[in-house]
Amino acid sequence: MKKSLDGNRPWAEFKIGDVVLALDPIRRSRNAPKWLGPFQVAAISRGGAISLAPHGGDDAPPPPERNCAHHQLVRLEEVPKPPIDHYEVDRILAHRRNGKAMQFKVHWRGFPSREDTWESISAFPDPELLTGYASTLGSLRSANAVRKAVGMPPQRARDLQPRRG
């Protein structure tokens, strides 16, 4: 069983100098943090064991007393600093109805996809972005639901231009 698990588990590649969080081997309670750190990868043995060193200033926590395996570590990624004054919408990815309100999944320019958020119609001062999204939808029913939520008249099937492929 161990051989099967080890063969199917993807190995995280760490290099010396990477900043990581380490899994706490002895959590005292459920409210205790699961991950300790941040730490810096100090050395990697030939067998794959990873030694950690403190990362940061004097207030950095001490590293674990023993070496860690690759599956006990998570790379601490640098998150880009958002602009303070405003966020810019890159594109709208999807829509959903939350009760009676329509929400839209927004991809923000300059941010990774894990930072996508669901926003209500009130977050869009300009309805042009929403109507542009409605025109990209393949279903007339979905497009009309978005147009109705924005306050625009629905589009009829006979008003549509035939698609040329």
C-alpha atoms as a PDB file:
ATOM      1  CA  MET A   1       0.000   0.000   0.000  1.00  0.00           C
ATOM      2  CA  LYS A   2       2.819   2.412   0.855  1.00  0.00           C
ATOM      3  CA  LYS A   3       4.450   1.755  -2.505  1.00  0.00           C
ATOM      4  CA  SER A   4       1.182   2.533  -4.287  1.00  0.00           C
ATOM      5  CA  LEU A   5       0.654   5.773  -2.365  1.00  0.00           C
ATOM      6  CA  ASP A   6       4.228   6.919  -2.865  1.00  0.00           C
ATOM      7  CA  GLY A   7       4.050   6.184  -6.577  1.00  0.00           C
ATOM      8  CA  ASN A   8       0.833   8.137  -7.109  1.00  0.00           C
ATOM      9  CA  ARG A   9       1.611  11.126  -4.900  1.00  0.00           C
ATOM     10  CA  PRO A  10       3.015  14.125  -6.761  1.00  0.00           C
ATOM     11  CA  TRP A  11       6.270  15.266  -5.220  1.00  0.00           C
ATOM     12  CA  ALA A  12       6.485  18.961  -4.515  1.00  0.00           C
ATOM     13  CA  GLU A  13       9.773  20.316  -5.757  1.00  0.00           C
ATOM     14  CA  PHE A  14      11.522  22.528  -3.221  1.00  0.00           C
ATOM     15  CA  LYS A  15      14.817  24.323  -3.690  1.00  0.00           C
ATOM     16  CA  ILE A  16      17.186  25.661  -1.066  1.00  0.00           C
ATOM     17  CA  GLY A  17      15.993  29.142  -0.138  1.00  0.00           C
ATOM     18  CA  ASP A  18      12.258  28.547  -0.785  1.00  0.00           C
ATOM     19  CA  VAL A  19       9.901  29.956   1.834  1.00  0.00           C
ATOM     20  CA  VAL A  20       7.505  27.284   3.137  1.00  0.00           C
ATOM     21  CA  LEU A  21       4.965  26.494   5.842  1.00  0.00           C
ATOM     22  CA  ALA A  22       5.358  23.234   7.789  1.00  0.00           C
ATOM     23  CA  LEU A  23       2.571  20.964   8.994  1.00  0.00           C
ATOM     24  CA  ASP A  24       2.354  20.959  12.806  1.00  0.00           C
ATOM     25  CA  PRO A  25       2.994  17.329  13.841  1.00  0.00           C
ATOM     26  CA  ILE A  26       1.418  17.741  17.294  1.00  0.00           C
ATOM     27  CA  ARG A  27      -1.599  20.023  17.243  1.00  0.00           C
ATOM     28  CA  ARG A  28      -2.739  20.593  20.817  1.00  0.00           C
ATOM     29  CA  SER A  29      -6.318  21.487  19.853  1.00  0.00           C
ATOM     30  CA  ARG A  30      -8.534  21.965  16.834  1.00  0.00           C
ATOM     31  CA  ASN A  31      -8.178  25.717  17.248  1.00  0.00           C
ATOM     32  CA  ALA A  32      -4.386  25.554  17.007  1.00  0.00           C
ATOM     33  CA  PRO A  33      -2.958  26.493  13.605  1.00  0.00           C
ATOM     34  CA  LYS A  34      -2.394  23.569  11.265  1.00  0.00           C
ATOM     35  CA  TRP A  35       0.637  25.118   9.586  1.00  0.00           C
ATOM     36  CA  LEU A  36       3.717  26.593  11.287  1.00  0.00           C
ATOM     37  CA  GLY A  37       6.063  29.102   9.790  1.00  0.00           C
ATOM     38  CA  PRO A  38       7.214  30.682   7.627  1.00  0.00           C
ATOM     39  CA  PHE A  39      10.501  28.806   7.323  1.00  0.00           C
ATOM     40  CA  GLN A  40      13.244  28.749   4.738  1.00  0.00           C
ATOM     41  CA  VAL A  41      14.501  25.519   3.170  1.00  0.00           C
ATOM     42  CA  ALA A  42      18.071  25.149   4.477  1.00  0.00           C
ATOM     43  CA  ALA A  43      19.103  21.758   3.064  1.00  0.00           C
ATOM     44  CA  ILE A  44      17.728  18.757   1.199  1.00  0.00           C
ATOM     45  CA  SER A  45      19.237  15.327   1.839  1.00  0.00           C
ATOM     46  CA  ARG A  46      19.757  12.683  -0.836  1.00  0.00           C
ATOM     47  CA  GLY A  47      16.764  10.785   0.563  1.00  0.00           C
ATOM     48  CA  GLY A  48      14.514  13.824   0.166  1.00  0.00           C
ATOM     49  CA  ALA A  49      14.301  14.976   3.808  1.00  0.00           C
ATOM     50  CA  ILE A  50      14.123  18.748   4.062  1.00  0.00           C
ATOM     51  CA  SER A  51      15.826  20.778   6.817  1.00  0.00           C
ATOM     52  CA  LEU A  52      14.297  24.122   7.707  1.00  0.00           C
ATOM     53  CA  ALA A  53      15.709  27.375   9.081  1.00  0.00           C
ATOM     54  CA  PRO A  54      13.835  30.382  10.526  1.00  0.00           C
ATOM     55  CA  HIS A  55      12.682  32.930   7.964  1.00  0.00           C
ATOM     56  CA  GLY A  56      12.306  36.563   8.899  1.00  0.00           C
ATOM     57  CA  GLY A  57      13.518  38.566  11.868  1.00  0.00           C
ATOM     58  CA  ASP A  58      14.014  37.765  15.533  1.00  0.00           C
ATOM     59  CA  ASP A  59      10.312  37.094  16.074  1.00  0.00           C
ATOM     60  CA  ALA A  60      10.332  34.160  13.623  1.00  0.00           C
ATOM     61  CA  PRO A  61       9.194  30.854  15.150  1.00  0.00           C
ATOM     62  CA  PRO A  62      11.828  28.155  15.651  1.00  0.00           C
ATOM     63  CA  PRO A  63      11.857  25.468  12.956  1.00  0.00           C
ATOM     64  CA  PRO A  64      10.794  21.899  13.746  1.00  0.00           C
ATOM     65  CA  GLU A  65      13.494  19.860  15.501  1.00  0.00           C
ATOM     66  CA  ARG A  66      13.373  17.117  12.891  1.00  0.00           C
ATOM     67  CA  ASN A  67      13.517  17.115   9.114  1.00  0.00           C
ATOM     68  CA  CYS A  68      10.291  17.288   7.123  1.00  0.00           C
ATOM     69  CA  ALA A  69       9.052  15.219   4.217  1.00  0.00           C
ATOM     70  CA  HIS A  70       7.874  16.889   1.011  1.00  0.00           C
ATOM     71  CA  HIS A  71       4.185  16.261   1.781  1.00  0.00           C
ATOM     72  CA  GLN A  72       4.490  18.077   5.138  1.00  0.00           C
ATOM     73  CA  LEU A  73       5.421  21.370   3.491  1.00  0.00           C
ATOM     74  CA  VAL A  74       3.547  23.962   1.471  1.00  0.00           C
ATOM     75  CA  ARG A  75       5.261  26.648  -0.579  1.00  0.00           C
ATOM     76  CA  LEU A  76       4.389  30.123   0.586  1.00  0.00           C
ATOM     77  CA  GLU A  77       3.670  32.031  -2.608  1.00  0.00           C
ATOM     78  CA  GLU A  78       4.077  35.720  -2.967  1.00  0.00           C
ATOM     79  CA  VAL A  79       0.717  37.365  -3.536  1.00  0.00           C
ATOM     80  CA  PRO A  80       0.788  40.445  -5.770  1.00  0.00           C
ATOM     81  CA  LYS A  81      -0.013  43.676  -4.005  1.00  0.00           C
ATOM     82  CA  PRO A  82      -3.403  44.969  -5.161  1.00  0.00           C
ATOM     83  CA  PRO A  83      -3.750  48.588  -6.179  1.00  0.00           C
ATOM     84  CA  ILE A  84      -5.176  50.488  -3.253  1.00  0.00           C
ATOM     85  CA  ASP A  85      -7.536  52.832  -5.093  1.00  0.00           C
ATOM     86  CA  HIS A  86      -9.419  50.436  -7.393  1.00  0.00           C
ATOM     87  CA  TYR A  87      -9.593  47.008  -8.963  1.00  0.00           C
ATOM     88  CA  GLU A  88      -9.955  46.572 -12.705  1.00  0.00           C
ATOM     89  CA  VAL A  89     -12.276  43.940 -14.142  1.00  0.00           C
ATOM     90  CA  ASP A  90     -10.540  41.773 -16.724  1.00  0.00           C
ATOM     91  CA  ARG A  91     -13.598  39.736 -17.731  1.00  0.00           C
ATOM     92  CA  ILE A  92     -16.785  38.174 -16.423  1.00  0.00           C
ATOM     93  CA  LEU A  93     -16.580  34.397 -16.257  1.00  0.00           C
ATOM     94  CA  ALA A  94     -20.038  33.225 -15.154  1.00  0.00           C
ATOM     95  CA  HIS A  95     -23.302  34.250 -13.565  1.00  0.00           C
ATOM     96  CA  ARG A  96     -25.662  32.786 -10.999  1.00  0.00           C
ATOM     97  CA  ARG A  97     -28.835  33.693  -9.184  1.00  0.00           C
ATOM     98  CA  ASN A  98     -28.511  34.044  -5.423  1.00  0.00           C
ATOM     99  CA  GLY A  99     -32.104  34.273  -4.260  1.00  0.00           C
ATOM    100  CA  LYS A 100     -33.568  37.057  -6.384  1.00  0.00           C
ATOM    101  CA  ALA A 101     -30.264  38.823  -6.973  1.00  0.00           C
ATOM    102  CA  MET A 102     -28.004  38.072  -9.925  1.00  0.00           C
ATOM    103  CA  GLN A 103     -24.282  37.638  -9.212  1.00  0.00           C
ATOM    104  CA  PHE A 104     -21.356  37.569 -11.614  1.00  0.00           C
ATOM    105  CA  LYS A 105     -17.997  35.823 -11.241  1.00  0.00           C
ATOM    106  CA  VAL A 106     -15.307  38.383 -11.985  1.00  0.00           C
ATOM    107  CA  HIS A 107     -11.681  37.815 -12.973  1.00  0.00           C
ATOM    108  CA  TRP A 108      -9.610  40.799 -11.808  1.00  0.00           C
ATOM    109  CA  ARG A 109      -6.829  42.126 -14.046  1.00  0.00           C
ATOM    110  CA  GLY A 110      -3.375  41.318 -12.701  1.00  0.00           C
ATOM    111  CA  PHE A 111      -4.547  38.665 -10.232  1.00  0.00           C
ATOM    112  CA  PRO A 112      -4.495  34.857 -10.409  1.00  0.00           C
ATOM    113  CA  SER A 113      -7.728  32.928 -10.954  1.00  0.00           C
ATOM    114  CA  ARG A 114      -7.894  31.915  -7.278  1.00  0.00           C
ATOM    115  CA  GLU A 115      -8.701  35.577  -6.523  1.00  0.00           C
ATOM    116  CA  ASP A 116     -11.874  35.542  -8.676  1.00  0.00           C
ATOM    117  CA  THR A 117     -14.942  36.723  -6.744  1.00  0.00           C
ATOM    118  CA  TRP A 118     -18.714  36.735  -7.063  1.00  0.00           C
ATOM    119  CA  GLU A 119     -20.040  40.301  -7.287  1.00  0.00           C
ATOM    120  CA  SER A 120     -23.575  41.659  -7.292  1.00  0.00           C
ATOM    121  CA  ILE A 121     -24.939  44.011  -9.950  1.00  0.00           C
ATOM    122  CA  SER A 122     -24.431  47.002  -7.658  1.00  0.00           C
ATOM    123  CA  ALA A 123     -20.640  46.484  -7.944  1.00  0.00           C
ATOM    124  CA  PHE A 124     -20.805  47.402 -11.662  1.00  0.00           C
ATOM    125  CA  PRO A 125     -21.429  51.131 -12.164  1.00  0.00           C
ATOM    126  CA  ASP A 126     -21.292  50.698 -15.949  1.00  0.00           C
ATOM    127  CA  PRO A 127     -23.817  48.145 -17.311  1.00  0.00           C
ATOM    128  CA  GLU A 128     -21.920  47.972 -20.621  1.00  0.00           C
ATOM    129  CA  LEU A 129     -19.633  45.265 -19.229  1.00  0.00           C
ATOM    130  CA  LEU A 130     -22.627  43.147 -18.231  1.00  0.00           C
ATOM    131  CA  THR A 131     -24.417  43.562 -21.552  1.00  0.00           C
ATOM    132  CA  GLY A 132     -21.188  42.623 -23.334  1.00  0.00           C
ATOM    133  CA  TYR A 133     -21.059  39.470 -21.219  1.00  0.00           C
ATOM    134  CA  ALA A 134     -24.727  38.739 -22.045  1.00  0.00           C
ATOM    135  CA  SER A 135     -23.959  38.919 -25.763  1.00  0.00           C
ATOM    136  CA  THR A 136     -21.284  36.217 -25.389  1.00  0.00           C
ATOM    137  CA  LEU A 137     -23.693  33.708 -23.865  1.00  0.00           C
ATOM    138  CA  GLY A 138     -24.800  30.944 -26.209  1.00  0.00           C
ATOM    139  CA  SER A 139     -28.267  30.559 -24.732  1.00  0.00           C
ATOM    140  CA  LEU A 140     -30.878  33.216 -25.480  1.00  0.00           C
ATOM    141  CA  ARG A 141     -32.592  32.394 -22.197  1.00  0.00           C
ATOM    142  CA  SER A 142     -29.405  33.022 -20.183  1.00  0.00           C
ATOM    143  CA  ALA A 143     -28.638  36.202 -22.105  1.00  0.00           C
ATOM    144  CA  ASN A 144     -32.131  37.548 -21.487  1.00  0.00           C
ATOM    145  CA  ALA A 145     -31.899  36.735 -17.783  1.00  0.00           C
ATOM    146  CA  VAL A 146     -28.740  38.827 -17.559  1.00  0.00           C
ATOM    147  CA  ARG A 147     -30.229  41.634 -19.677  1.00  0.00           C
ATOM    148  CA  LYS A 148     -33.347  41.698 -17.489  1.00  0.00           C
ATOM    149  CA  ALA A 149     -31.244  41.865 -14.312  1.00  0.00           C
ATOM    150  CA  VAL A 150     -29.312  44.818 -15.731  1.00  0.00           C
ATOM    151  CA  GLY A 151     -32.538  46.591 -16.676  1.00  0.00           C
ATOM    152  CA  MET A 152     -32.375  46.204 -20.439  1.00  0.00           C
ATOM    153  CA  PRO A 153     -35.159  44.828 -22.623  1.00  0.00           C
ATOM    154  CA  PRO A 154     -34.915  41.144 -23.546  1.00  0.00           C
ATOM    155  CA  GLN A 155     -33.724  40.162 -26.984  1.00  0.00           C
ATOM    156  CA  ARG A 156     -35.969  38.133 -29.278  1.00  0.00           C
ATOM    157  CA  ALA A 157     -34.746  35.209 -31.331  1.00  0.00           C
ATOM    158  CA  ARG A 158     -35.760  36.809 -34.624  1.00  0.00           C
ATOM    159  CA  ASP A 159     -33.638  39.893 -33.788  1.00  0.00           C
ATOM    160  CA  LEU A 160     -30.468  37.818 -33.564  1.00  0.00           C
ATOM    161  CA  GLN A 161     -27.983  37.816 -36.397  1.00  0.00           C
ATOM    162  CA  PRO A 162     -27.358  34.342 -37.845  1.00  0.00           C
ATOM    163  CA  ARG A 163     -23.998  32.904 -36.887  1.00  0.00           C
ATOM    164  CA  ARG A 164     -21.538  32.479 -39.673  1.00  0.00           C
ATOM    165  CA  GLY A 165     -18.968  29.802 -39.145  1.00  0.00           C
END
